[in-house]
């Protein structure tokens, strides 16, 4: 019975970050749907997403870890021969710079987890 309650708590409660933060890394690209790869940030770093614009051209993005003091800064970057004005925006939380999650996905996952936990309690 106690194991069932513990499992229910583990499934139902949000994950608590301990130590290093995980973020998504994506090199400078013109894709707004860069899934990227997970990376671990340092203690003084935050996850970020950089968005760049250039007159007459489509946007570029990049993602990764950045020192907190650099968040919100604007810089000139070159991508495929064009110079873009890139602004990096930091976010707080594990993998907060990943691609947006479709509406309803988290709710469905939480509901399934709770249902499994309750089912274990009843058996």
PDB file of N, CA and C in Angstrom:
ATOM      1  N   UNK A   1       0.821  -1.196   0.000  1.00  0.00           N
ATOM      2  CA  UNK A   1       0.000   0.000   0.000  1.00  0.00           C
ATOM      3  C   UNK A   1       0.870   1.266   0.000  1.00  0.00           C
ATOM      4  N   UNK A   2       1.924   1.279   0.827  1.00  0.00           N
ATOM      5  CA  UNK A   2       2.809   2.445   0.888  1.00  0.00           C
ATOM      6  C   UNK A   2       3.513   2.645  -0.447  1.00  0.00           C
ATOM      7  N   UNK A   3       3.952   1.536  -1.077  1.00  0.00           N
ATOM      8  CA  UNK A   3       4.614   1.661  -2.381  1.00  0.00           C
ATOM      9  C   UNK A   3       3.690   2.282  -3.414  1.00  0.00           C
ATOM     10  N   UNK A   4       2.411   1.959  -3.354  1.00  0.00           N
ATOM     11  CA  UNK A   4       1.439   2.535  -4.283  1.00  0.00           C
ATOM     12  C   UNK A   4       1.328   4.035  -4.118  1.00  0.00           C
ATOM     13  N   UNK A   5       1.284   4.506  -2.866  1.00  0.00           N
ATOM     14  CA  UNK A   5       1.213   5.957  -2.611  1.00  0.00           C
ATOM     15  C   UNK A   5       2.469   6.666  -3.086  1.00  0.00           C
ATOM     16  N   UNK A   6       3.619   6.050  -2.843  1.00  0.00           N
ATOM     17  CA  UNK A   6       4.874   6.664  -3.290  1.00  0.00           C
ATOM     18  C   UNK A   6       4.917   6.756  -4.803  1.00  0.00           C
ATOM     19  N   UNK A   7       4.479   5.711  -5.485  1.00  0.00           N
ATOM     20  CA  UNK A   7       4.455   5.741  -6.942  1.00  0.00           C
ATOM     21  C   UNK A   7       3.511   6.831  -7.434  1.00  0.00           C
ATOM     22  N   UNK A   8       2.359   6.948  -6.791  1.00  0.00           N
ATOM     23  CA  UNK A   8       1.401   7.981  -7.169  1.00  0.00           C
ATOM     24  C   UNK A   8       2.014   9.373  -7.016  1.00  0.00           C
ATOM     25  N   UNK A   9       2.737   9.604  -5.935  1.00  0.00           N
ATOM     26  CA  UNK A   9       3.385  10.903  -5.733  1.00  0.00           C
ATOM     27  C   UNK A   9       4.445  11.172  -6.785  1.00  0.00           C
ATOM     28  N   UNK A  10       5.237  10.170  -7.116  1.00  0.00           N
ATOM     29  CA  UNK A  10       6.288  10.343  -8.116  1.00  0.00           C
ATOM     30  C   UNK A  10       5.686  10.676  -9.472  1.00  0.00           C
ATOM     31  N   UNK A  11       4.591  10.022  -9.828  1.00  0.00           N
ATOM     32  CA  UNK A  11       3.954  10.244 -11.119  1.00  0.00           C
ATOM     33  C   UNK A  11       3.230  11.581 -11.165  1.00  0.00           C
ATOM     34  N   UNK A  12       2.560  11.957 -10.071  1.00  0.00           N
ATOM     35  CA  UNK A  12       1.695  13.139 -10.068  1.00  0.00           C
ATOM     36  C   UNK A  12       2.439  14.452  -9.851  1.00  0.00           C
ATOM     37  N   UNK A  13       3.521  14.438  -9.102  1.00  0.00           N
ATOM     38  CA  UNK A  13       4.225  15.677  -8.791  1.00  0.00           C
ATOM     39  C   UNK A  13       5.192  16.045  -9.907  1.00  0.00           C
ATOM     40  N   UNK A  14       5.368  17.354 -10.162  1.00  0.00           N
ATOM     41  CA  UNK A  14       6.332  17.771 -11.189  1.00  0.00           C
ATOM     42  C   UNK A  14       7.751  17.425 -10.761  1.00  0.00           C
ATOM     43  N   UNK A  15       8.586  17.219 -11.759  1.00  0.00           N
ATOM     44  CA  UNK A  15       9.986  16.910 -11.482  1.00  0.00           C
ATOM     45  C   UNK A  15      10.676  18.135 -10.886  1.00  0.00           C
ATOM     46  N   UNK A  16      11.474  17.920  -9.855  1.00  0.00           N
ATOM     47  CA  UNK A  16      12.214  18.998  -9.209  1.00  0.00           C
ATOM     48  C   UNK A  16      13.639  18.984  -9.732  1.00  0.00           C
ATOM     49  N   UNK A  17      14.104  20.125 -10.166  1.00  0.00           N
ATOM     50  CA  UNK A  17      15.458  20.229 -10.700  1.00  0.00           C
ATOM     51  C   UNK A  17      16.482  20.200  -9.577  1.00  0.00           C
ATOM     52  N   UNK A  18      17.496  19.386  -9.725  1.00  0.00           N
ATOM     53  CA  UNK A  18      18.580  19.356  -8.763  1.00  0.00           C
ATOM     54  C   UNK A  18      19.880  19.449  -9.543  1.00  0.00           C
ATOM     55  N   UNK A  19      20.746  20.337  -9.112  1.00  0.00           N
ATOM     56  CA  UNK A  19      22.032  20.466  -9.776  1.00  0.00           C
ATOM     57  C   UNK A  19      21.922  21.160 -11.117  1.00  0.00           C
ATOM     58  N   UNK A  20      22.582  20.571 -12.117  1.00  0.00           N
ATOM     59  CA  UNK A  20      22.664  21.167 -13.442  1.00  0.00           C
ATOM     60  C   UNK A  20      21.311  21.139 -14.157  1.00  0.00           C
ATOM     61  N   UNK A  21      21.109  22.137 -14.997  1.00  0.00           N
ATOM     62  CA  UNK A  21      19.873  22.264 -15.761  1.00  0.00           C
ATOM     63  C   UNK A  21      20.070  21.699 -17.162  1.00  0.00           C
ATOM     64  N   UNK A  22      19.048  21.011 -17.670  1.00  0.00           N
ATOM     65  CA  UNK A  22      19.062  20.487 -19.030  1.00  0.00           C
ATOM     66  C   UNK A  22      18.359  21.480 -19.948  1.00  0.00           C
ATOM     67  N   UNK A  23      18.959  21.735 -21.095  1.00  0.00           N
ATOM     68  CA  UNK A  23      18.392  22.628 -22.099  1.00  0.00           C
ATOM     69  C   UNK A  23      18.524  21.960 -23.462  1.00  0.00           C
ATOM     70  N   UNK A  24      17.889  22.535 -24.445  1.00  0.00           N
ATOM     71  CA  UNK A  24      17.989  22.046 -25.816  1.00  0.00           C
ATOM     72  C   UNK A  24      19.045  22.869 -26.549  1.00  0.00           C
ATOM     73  N   UNK A  25      19.912  22.189 -27.307  1.00  0.00           N
ATOM     74  CA  UNK A  25      20.910  22.862 -28.136  1.00  0.00           C
ATOM     75  C   UNK A  25      20.507  22.732 -29.592  1.00  0.00           C
ATOM     76  N   UNK A  26      20.581  23.843 -30.297  1.00  0.00           N
ATOM     77  CA  UNK A  26      20.310  23.863 -31.730  1.00  0.00           C
ATOM     78  C   UNK A  26      21.204  24.938 -32.328  1.00  0.00           C
ATOM     79  N   UNK A  27      22.070  24.565 -33.252  1.00  0.00           N
ATOM     80  CA  UNK A  27      22.951  25.522 -33.913  1.00  0.00           C
ATOM     81  C   UNK A  27      22.110  26.492 -34.738  1.00  0.00           C
ATOM     82  N   UNK A  28      22.671  27.608 -35.087  1.00  0.00           N
ATOM     83  CA  UNK A  28      21.977  28.625 -35.863  1.00  0.00           C
ATOM     84  C   UNK A  28      21.372  28.006 -37.121  1.00  0.00           C
ATOM     85  N   UNK A  29      20.074  28.197 -37.310  1.00  0.00           N
ATOM     86  CA  UNK A  29      19.371  27.595 -38.442  1.00  0.00           C
ATOM     87  C   UNK A  29      18.189  28.468 -38.844  1.00  0.00           C
ATOM     88  N   UNK A  30      17.679  28.226 -40.038  1.00  0.00           N
ATOM     89  CA  UNK A  30      16.504  28.978 -40.474  1.00  0.00           C
ATOM     90  C   UNK A  30      15.209  28.234 -40.155  1.00  0.00           C
ATOM     91  N   UNK A  31      15.302  27.127 -39.478  1.00  0.00           N
ATOM     92  CA  UNK A  31      14.133  26.329 -39.125  1.00  0.00           C
ATOM     93  C   UNK A  31      13.528  26.799 -37.805  1.00  0.00           C
ATOM     94  N   UNK A  32      12.218  27.068 -37.814  1.00  0.00           N
ATOM     95  CA  UNK A  32      11.555  27.454 -36.567  1.00  0.00           C
ATOM     96  C   UNK A  32      11.138  26.223 -35.780  1.00  0.00           C
ATOM     97  N   UNK A  33      11.381  25.042 -36.326  1.00  0.00           N
ATOM     98  CA  UNK A  33      11.005  23.805 -35.659  1.00  0.00           C
ATOM     99  C   UNK A  33      12.217  22.969 -35.280  1.00  0.00           C
ATOM    100  N   UNK A  34      13.275  23.576 -34.861  1.00  0.00           N
ATOM    101  CA  UNK A  34      14.483  22.844 -34.502  1.00  0.00           C
ATOM    102  C   UNK A  34      14.234  22.054 -33.220  1.00  0.00           C
ATOM    103  N   UNK A  35      14.201  20.737 -33.323  1.00  0.00           N
ATOM    104  CA  UNK A  35      13.998  19.900 -32.140  1.00  0.00           C
ATOM    105  C   UNK A  35      15.243  19.951 -31.256  1.00  0.00           C
ATOM    106  N   UNK A  36      16.416  19.972 -31.852  1.00  0.00           N
ATOM    107  CA  UNK A  36      17.664  20.080 -31.107  1.00  0.00           C
ATOM    108  C   UNK A  36      18.003  18.819 -30.333  1.00  0.00           C
ATOM    109  N   UNK A  37      19.075  18.927 -29.540  1.00  0.00           N
ATOM    110  CA  UNK A  37      19.525  17.819 -28.703  1.00  0.00           C
ATOM    111  C   UNK A  37      19.706  18.328 -27.277  1.00  0.00           C
ATOM    112  N   UNK A  38      19.495  17.476 -26.279  1.00  0.00           N
ATOM    113  CA  UNK A  38      19.668  17.909 -24.885  1.00  0.00           C
ATOM    114  C   UNK A  38      21.128  18.214 -24.572  1.00  0.00           C
ATOM    115  N   UNK A  39      21.335  19.207 -23.723  1.00  0.00           N
ATOM    116  CA  UNK A  39      22.668  19.534 -23.237  1.00  0.00           C
ATOM    117  C   UNK A  39      22.563  19.978 -21.780  1.00  0.00           C
ATOM    118  N   UNK A  40      23.646  19.899 -21.053  1.00  0.00           N
ATOM    119  CA  UNK A  40      23.661  20.291 -19.648  1.00  0.00           C
ATOM    120  C   UNK A  40      24.339  21.643 -19.508  1.00  0.00           C
ATOM    121  N   UNK A  41      23.668  22.554 -18.819  1.00  0.00           N
ATOM    122  CA  UNK A  41      24.201  23.904 -18.603  1.00  0.00           C
ATOM    123  C   UNK A  41      25.033  23.965 -17.332  1.00  0.00           C
ATOM    124  N   UNK A  42      25.879  24.982 -17.264  1.00  0.00           N
ATOM    125  CA  UNK A  42      26.657  25.239 -16.062  1.00  0.00           C
ATOM    126  C   UNK A  42      25.797  25.914 -14.995  1.00  0.00           C
ATOM    127  N   UNK A  43      26.347  26.037 -13.802  1.00  0.00           N
ATOM    128  CA  UNK A  43      25.610  26.620 -12.679  1.00  0.00           C
ATOM    129  C   UNK A  43      25.155  28.050 -12.927  1.00  0.00           C
ATOM    130  N   UNK A  44      25.944  28.833 -13.661  1.00  0.00           N
ATOM    131  CA  UNK A  44      25.600  30.244 -13.881  1.00  0.00           C
ATOM    132  C   UNK A  44      24.961  30.467 -15.253  1.00  0.00           C
ATOM    133  N   UNK A  45      24.379  29.408 -15.830  1.00  0.00           N
ATOM    134  CA  UNK A  45      23.785  29.509 -17.153  1.00  0.00           C
ATOM    135  C   UNK A  45      22.284  29.223 -17.116  1.00  0.00           C
ATOM    136  N   UNK A  46      21.596  29.754 -18.117  1.00  0.00           N
ATOM    137  CA  UNK A  46      20.165  29.537 -18.304  1.00  0.00           C
ATOM    138  C   UNK A  46      19.953  28.990 -19.712  1.00  0.00           C
ATOM    139  N   UNK A  47      18.804  28.353 -19.930  1.00  0.00           N
ATOM    140  CA  UNK A  47      18.414  27.959 -21.285  1.00  0.00           C
ATOM    141  C   UNK A  47      18.050  29.233 -22.040  1.00  0.00           C
ATOM    142  N   UNK A  48      18.326  29.259 -23.337  1.00  0.00           N
ATOM    143  CA  UNK A  48      17.947  30.423 -24.136  1.00  0.00           C
ATOM    144  C   UNK A  48      17.472  29.989 -25.506  1.00  0.00           C
ATOM    145  N   UNK A  49      16.755  30.909 -26.142  1.00  0.00           N
ATOM    146  CA  UNK A  49      16.420  30.775 -27.553  1.00  0.00           C
ATOM    147  C   UNK A  49      16.741  32.102 -28.197  1.00  0.00           C
ATOM    148  N   UNK A  50      17.573  32.063 -29.232  1.00  0.00           N
ATOM    149  CA  UNK A  50      17.924  33.269 -29.965  1.00  0.00           C
ATOM    150  C   UNK A  50      17.087  33.368 -31.223  1.00  0.00           C
ATOM    151  N   UNK A  51      16.560  34.551 -31.488  1.00  0.00           N
ATOM    152  CA  UNK A  51      15.773  34.787 -32.694  1.00  0.00           C
ATOM    153  C   UNK A  51      16.392  35.947 -33.450  1.00  0.00           C
ATOM    154  N   UNK A  52      16.706  35.682 -34.717  1.00  0.00           N
ATOM    155  CA  UNK A  52      17.367  36.694 -35.528  1.00  0.00           C
ATOM    156  C   UNK A  52      16.549  37.095 -36.734  1.00  0.00           C
ATOM    157  N   UNK A  53      16.698  38.374 -37.092  1.00  0.00           N
ATOM    158  CA  UNK A  53      16.008  38.902 -38.271  1.00  0.00           C
ATOM    159  C   UNK A  53      16.993  39.689 -39.128  1.00  0.00           C
ATOM    160  N   UNK A  54      16.685  39.712 -40.414  1.00  0.00           N
ATOM    161  CA  UNK A  54      17.447  40.510 -41.377  1.00  0.00           C
ATOM    162  C   UNK A  54      16.445  41.014 -42.405  1.00  0.00           C
ATOM    163  N   UNK A  55      16.610  42.258 -42.861  1.00  0.00           N
ATOM    164  CA  UNK A  55      15.665  42.813 -43.836  1.00  0.00           C
ATOM    165  C   UNK A  55      15.529  41.924 -45.075  1.00  0.00           C
ATOM    166  N   UNK A  56      14.285  41.593 -45.425  1.00  0.00           N
ATOM    167  CA  UNK A  56      14.004  40.828 -46.625  1.00  0.00           C
ATOM    168  C   UNK A  56      14.269  39.335 -46.529  1.00  0.00           C
ATOM    169  N   UNK A  57      14.667  38.849 -45.367  1.00  0.00           N
ATOM    170  CA  UNK A  57      14.973  37.424 -45.199  1.00  0.00           C
ATOM    171  C   UNK A  57      14.122  36.834 -44.084  1.00  0.00           C
ATOM    172  N   UNK A  58      13.956  35.510 -44.123  1.00  0.00           N
ATOM    173  CA  UNK A  58      13.220  34.812 -43.076  1.00  0.00           C
ATOM    174  C   UNK A  58      14.017  34.783 -41.787  1.00  0.00           C
ATOM    175  N   UNK A  59      13.367  34.465 -40.679  1.00  0.00           N
ATOM    176  CA  UNK A  59      14.042  34.457 -39.382  1.00  0.00           C
ATOM    177  C   UNK A  59      14.998  33.282 -39.216  1.00  0.00           C
ATOM    178  N   UNK A  60      15.953  33.433 -38.312  1.00  0.00           N
ATOM    179  CA  UNK A  60      16.842  32.349 -37.901  1.00  0.00           C
ATOM    180  C   UNK A  60      16.704  32.186 -36.392  1.00  0.00           C
ATOM    181  N   UNK A  61      17.033  30.987 -35.902  1.00  0.00           N
ATOM    182  CA  UNK A  61      16.993  30.729 -34.468  1.00  0.00           C
ATOM    183  C   UNK A  61      18.212  29.923 -34.060  1.00  0.00           C
ATOM    184  N   UNK A  62      18.494  29.948 -32.768  1.00  0.00           N
ATOM    185  CA  UNK A  62      19.424  29.011 -32.156  1.00  0.00           C
ATOM    186  C   UNK A  62      19.012  28.831 -30.706  1.00  0.00           C
ATOM    187  N   UNK A  63      19.477  27.743 -30.090  1.00  0.00           N
ATOM    188  CA  UNK A  63      19.099  27.402 -28.720  1.00  0.00           C
ATOM    189  C   UNK A  63      20.308  26.841 -28.006  1.00  0.00           C
ATOM    190  N   UNK A  64      20.294  26.927 -26.690  1.00  0.00           N
ATOM    191  CA  UNK A  64      21.370  26.342 -25.909  1.00  0.00           C
ATOM    192  C   UNK A  64      21.411  26.906 -24.510  1.00  0.00           C
ATOM    193  N   UNK A  65      22.627  26.960 -23.948  1.00  0.00           N
ATOM    194  CA  UNK A  65      22.871  27.513 -22.615  1.00  0.00           C
ATOM    195  C   UNK A  65      23.616  28.831 -22.766  1.00  0.00           C
ATOM    196  N   UNK A  66      23.330  29.758 -21.870  1.00  0.00           N
ATOM    197  CA  UNK A  66      23.947  31.081 -21.940  1.00  0.00           C
ATOM    198  C   UNK A  66      24.134  31.616 -20.517  1.00  0.00           C
ATOM    199  N   UNK A  67      25.229  32.344 -20.309  1.00  0.00           N
ATOM    200  CA  UNK A  67      25.426  32.979 -19.005  1.00  0.00           C
ATOM    201  C   UNK A  67      24.269  33.927 -18.741  1.00  0.00           C
ATOM    202  N   UNK A  68      23.788  33.926 -17.531  1.00  0.00           N
ATOM    203  CA  UNK A  68      22.635  34.734 -17.144  1.00  0.00           C
ATOM    204  C   UNK A  68      22.832  36.207 -17.483  1.00  0.00           C
ATOM    205  N   UNK A  69      24.029  36.706 -17.364  1.00  0.00           N
ATOM    206  CA  UNK A  69      24.296  38.123 -17.625  1.00  0.00           C
ATOM    207  C   UNK A  69      24.146  38.490 -19.100  1.00  0.00           C
ATOM    208  N   UNK A  70      24.156  37.499 -19.996  1.00  0.00           N
ATOM    209  CA  UNK A  70      24.020  37.767 -21.434  1.00  0.00           C
ATOM    210  C   UNK A  70      22.573  37.677 -21.928  1.00  0.00           C
ATOM    211  N   UNK A  71      21.661  37.257 -21.086  1.00  0.00           N
ATOM    212  CA  UNK A  71      20.258  37.117 -21.479  1.00  0.00           C
ATOM    213  C   UNK A  71      19.692  38.458 -21.931  1.00  0.00           C
ATOM    214  N   UNK A  72      18.975  38.447 -23.041  1.00  0.00           N
ATOM    215  CA  UNK A  72      18.335  39.662 -23.544  1.00  0.00           C
ATOM    216  C   UNK A  72      19.222  40.527 -24.420  1.00  0.00           C
ATOM    217  N   UNK A  73      20.490  40.159 -24.565  1.00  0.00           N
ATOM    218  CA  UNK A  73      21.398  40.957 -25.391  1.00  0.00           C
ATOM    219  C   UNK A  73      21.129  40.753 -26.879  1.00  0.00           C
ATOM    220  N   UNK A  74      21.454  41.769 -27.645  1.00  0.00           N
ATOM    221  CA  UNK A  74      21.337  41.704 -29.099  1.00  0.00           C
ATOM    222  C   UNK A  74      22.741  41.652 -29.685  1.00  0.00           C
ATOM    223  N   UNK A  75      22.919  40.794 -30.715  1.00  0.00           N
ATOM    224  CA  UNK A  75      24.220  40.696 -31.363  1.00  0.00           C
ATOM    225  C   UNK A  75      24.037  40.453 -32.859  1.00  0.00           C
ATOM    226  N   UNK A  76      25.051  40.820 -33.626  1.00  0.00           N
ATOM    227  CA  UNK A  76      25.037  40.576 -35.066  1.00  0.00           C
ATOM    228  C   UNK A  76      25.653  39.208 -35.321  1.00  0.00           C
ATOM    229  N   UNK A  77      24.950  38.370 -36.094  1.00  0.00           N
ATOM    230  CA  UNK A  77      25.462  37.053 -36.462  1.00  0.00           C
ATOM    231  C   UNK A  77      25.346  36.885 -37.976  1.00  0.00           C
ATOM    232  N   UNK A  78      26.231  36.088 -38.537  1.00  0.00           N
ATOM    233  CA  UNK A  78      26.192  35.831 -39.972  1.00  0.00           C
ATOM    234  C   UNK A  78      25.702  34.413 -40.210  1.00  0.00           C
ATOM    235  N   UNK A  79      24.702  34.297 -41.085  1.00  0.00           N
ATOM    236  CA  UNK A  79      24.154  32.995 -41.450  1.00  0.00           C
ATOM    237  C   UNK A  79      23.973  32.971 -42.962  1.00  0.00           C
ATOM    238  N   UNK A  80      24.625  32.029 -43.616  1.00  0.00           N
ATOM    239  CA  UNK A  80      24.584  31.885 -45.062  1.00  0.00           C
ATOM    240  C   UNK A  80      24.851  33.209 -45.796  1.00  0.00           C
ATOM    241  N   UNK A  81      25.869  33.915 -45.317  1.00  0.00           N
ATOM    242  CA  UNK A  81      26.318  35.132 -45.967  1.00  0.00           C
ATOM    243  C   UNK A  81      25.543  36.397 -45.623  1.00  0.00           C
ATOM    244  N   UNK A  82      24.472  36.287 -44.844  1.00  0.00           N
ATOM    245  CA  UNK A  82      23.678  37.467 -44.459  1.00  0.00           C
ATOM    246  C   UNK A  82      23.894  37.762 -42.978  1.00  0.00           C
ATOM    247  N   UNK A  83      23.836  39.044 -42.627  1.00  0.00           N
ATOM    248  CA  UNK A  83      23.992  39.447 -41.237  1.00  0.00           C
ATOM    249  C   UNK A  83      22.614  39.653 -40.613  1.00  0.00           C
ATOM    250  N   UNK A  84      22.398  38.963 -39.506  1.00  0.00           N
ATOM    251  CA  UNK A  84      21.134  39.002 -38.772  1.00  0.00           C
ATOM    252  C   UNK A  84      21.335  39.702 -37.435  1.00  0.00           C
ATOM    253  N   UNK A  85      20.302  40.345 -36.960  1.00  0.00           N
ATOM    254  CA  UNK A  85      20.272  40.896 -35.614  1.00  0.00           C
ATOM    255  C   UNK A  85      19.612  39.843 -34.738  1.00  0.00           C
ATOM    256  N   UNK A  86      20.387  39.229 -33.842  1.00  0.00           N
ATOM    257  CA  UNK A  86      19.921  38.112 -33.024  1.00  0.00           C
ATOM    258  C   UNK A  86      19.723  38.567 -31.584  1.00  0.00           C
ATOM    259  N   UNK A  87      18.524  38.342 -31.048  1.00  0.00           N
ATOM    260  CA  UNK A  87      18.227  38.639 -29.647  1.00  0.00           C
ATOM    261  C   UNK A  87      17.991  37.321 -28.937  1.00  0.00           C
ATOM    262  N   UNK A  88      18.723  37.098 -27.852  1.00  0.00           N
ATOM    263  CA  UNK A  88      18.614  35.860 -27.088  1.00  0.00           C
ATOM    264  C   UNK A  88      17.749  36.079 -25.858  1.00  0.00           C
ATOM    265  N   UNK A  89      16.737  35.231 -25.708  1.00  0.00           N
ATOM    266  CA  UNK A  89      15.816  35.312 -24.577  1.00  0.00           C
ATOM    267  C   UNK A  89      15.983  34.069 -23.720  1.00  0.00           C
ATOM    268  N   UNK A  90      16.242  34.268 -22.430  1.00  0.00           N
ATOM    269  CA  UNK A  90      16.422  33.150 -21.513  1.00  0.00           C
ATOM    270  C   UNK A  90      15.085  32.748 -20.903  1.00  0.00           C
ATOM    271  N   UNK A  91      15.035  31.503 -20.461  1.00  0.00           N
ATOM    272  CA  UNK A  91      13.839  30.997 -19.796  1.00  0.00           C
ATOM    273  C   UNK A  91      14.272  30.202 -18.568  1.00  0.00           C
ATOM    274  N   UNK A  92      13.332  29.920 -17.701  1.00  0.00           N
ATOM    275  CA  UNK A  92      13.635  29.253 -16.444  1.00  0.00           C
ATOM    276  C   UNK A  92      12.970  27.883 -16.412  1.00  0.00           C
ATOM    277  N   UNK A  93      13.738  26.860 -16.125  1.00  0.00           N
ATOM    278  CA  UNK A  93      13.179  25.516 -16.001  1.00  0.00           C
ATOM    279  C   UNK A  93      13.857  24.521 -16.923  1.00  0.00           C
ATOM    280  N   UNK A  94      13.689  23.250 -16.598  1.00  0.00           N
ATOM    281  CA  UNK A  94      14.260  22.178 -17.396  1.00  0.00           C
ATOM    282  C   UNK A  94      13.683  22.195 -18.807  1.00  0.00           C
ATOM    283  N   UNK A  95      14.551  22.149 -19.799  1.00  0.00           N
ATOM    284  CA  UNK A  95      14.165  22.055 -21.211  1.00  0.00           C
ATOM    285  C   UNK A  95      13.137  23.105 -21.630  1.00  0.00           C
ATOM    286  N   UNK A  96      13.172  24.276 -20.989  1.00  0.00           N
ATOM    287  CA  UNK A  96      12.188  25.322 -21.263  1.00  0.00           C
ATOM    288  C   UNK A  96      12.322  25.906 -22.669  1.00  0.00           C
ATOM    289  N   UNK A  97      13.448  25.666 -23.339  1.00  0.00           N
ATOM    290  CA  UNK A  97      13.634  26.206 -24.692  1.00  0.00           C
ATOM    291  C   UNK A  97      13.343  25.176 -25.785  1.00  0.00           C
ATOM    292  N   UNK A  98      12.669  24.088 -25.426  1.00  0.00           N
ATOM    293  CA  UNK A  98      12.297  23.083 -26.441  1.00  0.00           C
ATOM    294  C   UNK A  98      11.151  23.606 -27.295  1.00  0.00           C
ATOM    295  N   UNK A  99      10.847  22.853 -28.360  1.00  0.00           N
ATOM    296  CA  UNK A  99       9.728  23.228 -29.232  1.00  0.00           C
ATOM    297  C   UNK A  99       8.440  23.201 -28.414  1.00  0.00           C
ATOM    298  N   UNK A 100       7.482  24.055 -28.738  1.00  0.00           N
ATOM    299  CA  UNK A 100       6.218  24.064 -27.992  1.00  0.00           C
ATOM    300  C   UNK A 100       5.544  22.694 -28.021  1.00  0.00           C
ATOM    301  N   UNK A 101       4.932  22.340 -26.887  1.00  0.00           N
ATOM    302  CA  UNK A 101       4.223  21.074 -26.767  1.00  0.00           C
ATOM    303  C   UNK A 101       2.781  21.293 -27.210  1.00  0.00           C
ATOM    304  N   UNK A 102       2.246  20.413 -28.068  1.00  0.00           N
ATOM    305  CA  UNK A 102       0.868  20.588 -28.531  1.00  0.00           C
ATOM    306  C   UNK A 102      -0.116  20.663 -27.362  1.00  0.00           C
ATOM    307  N   UNK A 103      -1.131  21.489 -27.497  1.00  0.00           N
ATOM    308  CA  UNK A 103      -2.131  21.675 -26.441  1.00  0.00           C
ATOM    309  C   UNK A 103      -2.752  20.338 -26.081  1.00  0.00           C
ATOM    310  N   UNK A 104      -2.902  20.104 -24.782  1.00  0.00           N
ATOM    311  CA  UNK A 104      -3.534  18.886 -24.305  1.00  0.00           C
ATOM    312  C   UNK A 104      -2.568  17.756 -24.021  1.00  0.00           C
ATOM    313  N   UNK A 105      -1.338  17.812 -24.513  1.00  0.00           N
ATOM    314  CA  UNK A 105      -0.394  16.715 -24.329  1.00  0.00           C
ATOM    315  C   UNK A 105      -0.028  16.516 -22.863  1.00  0.00           C
ATOM    316  N   UNK A 106       0.259  17.601 -22.143  1.00  0.00           N
ATOM    317  CA  UNK A 106       0.620  17.474 -20.744  1.00  0.00           C
ATOM    318  C   UNK A 106      -0.560  17.007 -19.922  1.00  0.00           C
ATOM    319  N   UNK A 107      -1.729  17.533 -20.215  1.00  0.00           N
ATOM    320  CA  UNK A 107      -2.924  17.157 -19.471  1.00  0.00           C
ATOM    321  C   UNK A 107      -3.195  15.668 -19.648  1.00  0.00           C
ATOM    322  N   UNK A 108      -3.076  15.161 -20.862  1.00  0.00           N
ATOM    323  CA  UNK A 108      -3.320  13.745 -21.125  1.00  0.00           C
ATOM    324  C   UNK A 108      -2.296  12.884 -20.396  1.00  0.00           C
ATOM    325  N   UNK A 109      -1.036  13.287 -20.387  1.00  0.00           N
ATOM    326  CA  UNK A 109       0.004  12.529 -19.698  1.00  0.00           C
ATOM    327  C   UNK A 109      -0.205  12.500 -18.207  1.00  0.00           C
ATOM    328  N   UNK A 110      -0.600  13.621 -17.615  1.00  0.00           N
ATOM    329  CA  UNK A 110      -0.847  13.676 -16.177  1.00  0.00           C
ATOM    330  C   UNK A 110      -2.045  12.817 -15.813  1.00  0.00           C
ATOM    331  N   UNK A 111      -3.087  12.854 -16.624  1.00  0.00           N
ATOM    332  CA  UNK A 111      -4.277  12.055 -16.355  1.00  0.00           C
ATOM    333  C   UNK A 111      -3.950  10.572 -16.412  1.00  0.00           C
ATOM    334  N   UNK A 112      -3.178  10.169 -17.410  1.00  0.00           N
ATOM    335  CA  UNK A 112      -2.782   8.765 -17.532  1.00  0.00           C
ATOM    336  C   UNK A 112      -1.941   8.345 -16.333  1.00  0.00           C
ATOM    337  N   UNK A 113      -1.003   9.176 -15.914  1.00  0.00           N
ATOM    338  CA  UNK A 113      -0.156   8.864 -14.769  1.00  0.00           C
ATOM    339  C   UNK A 113      -0.959   8.717 -13.496  1.00  0.00           C
ATOM    340  N   UNK A 114      -1.916   9.610 -13.286  1.00  0.00           N
ATOM    341  CA  UNK A 114      -2.758   9.524 -12.094  1.00  0.00           C
ATOM    342  C   UNK A 114      -3.615   8.270 -12.127  1.00  0.00           C
ATOM    343  N   UNK A 115      -4.155   7.948 -13.292  1.00  0.00           N
ATOM    344  CA  UNK A 115      -4.998   6.750 -13.406  1.00  0.00           C
ATOM    345  C   UNK A 115      -4.180   5.493 -13.099  1.00  0.00           C
ATOM    346  N   UNK A 116      -2.942   5.423 -13.586  1.00  0.00           N
ATOM    347  CA  UNK A 116      -2.089   4.271 -13.303  1.00  0.00           C
ATOM    348  C   UNK A 116      -1.764   4.167 -11.811  1.00  0.00           C
ATOM    349  N   UNK A 117      -1.492   5.326 -11.204  1.00  0.00           N
ATOM    350  CA  UNK A 117      -1.198   5.345  -9.765  1.00  0.00           C
ATOM    351  C   UNK A 117      -2.374   4.883  -8.928  1.00  0.00           C
ATOM    352  N   UNK A 118      -3.576   5.358  -9.269  1.00  0.00           N
ATOM    353  CA  UNK A 118      -4.778   4.941  -8.535  1.00  0.00           C
ATOM    354  C   UNK A 118      -5.027   3.465  -8.726  1.00  0.00           C
ATOM    355  N   UNK A 119      -4.819   2.969  -9.940  1.00  0.00           N
ATOM    356  CA  UNK A 119      -5.023   1.559 -10.211  1.00  0.00           C
ATOM    357  C   UNK A 119      -4.066   0.702  -9.373  1.00  0.00           C
ATOM    358  N   UNK A 120      -2.823   1.135  -9.211  1.00  0.00           N
ATOM    359  CA  UNK A 120      -1.877   0.403  -8.385  1.00  0.00           C
ATOM    360  C   UNK A 120      -2.293   0.408  -6.920  1.00  0.00           C
ATOM    361  N   UNK A 121      -2.863   1.507  -6.471  1.00  0.00           N
ATOM    362  CA  UNK A 121      -3.323   1.600  -5.088  1.00  0.00           C
ATOM    363  C   UNK A 121      -4.464   0.635  -4.806  1.00  0.00           C
ATOM    364  N   UNK A 122      -5.311   0.437  -5.785  1.00  0.00           N
ATOM    365  CA  UNK A 122      -6.488  -0.409  -5.588  1.00  0.00           C
ATOM    366  C   UNK A 122      -6.166  -1.894  -5.656  1.00  0.00           C
ATOM    367  N   UNK A 123      -5.025  -2.258  -6.186  1.00  0.00           N
ATOM    368  CA  UNK A 123      -4.665  -3.677  -6.301  1.00  0.00           C
ATOM    369  C   UNK A 123      -3.813  -4.139  -5.158  1.00  0.00           C
TER     370      UNK A 123
END
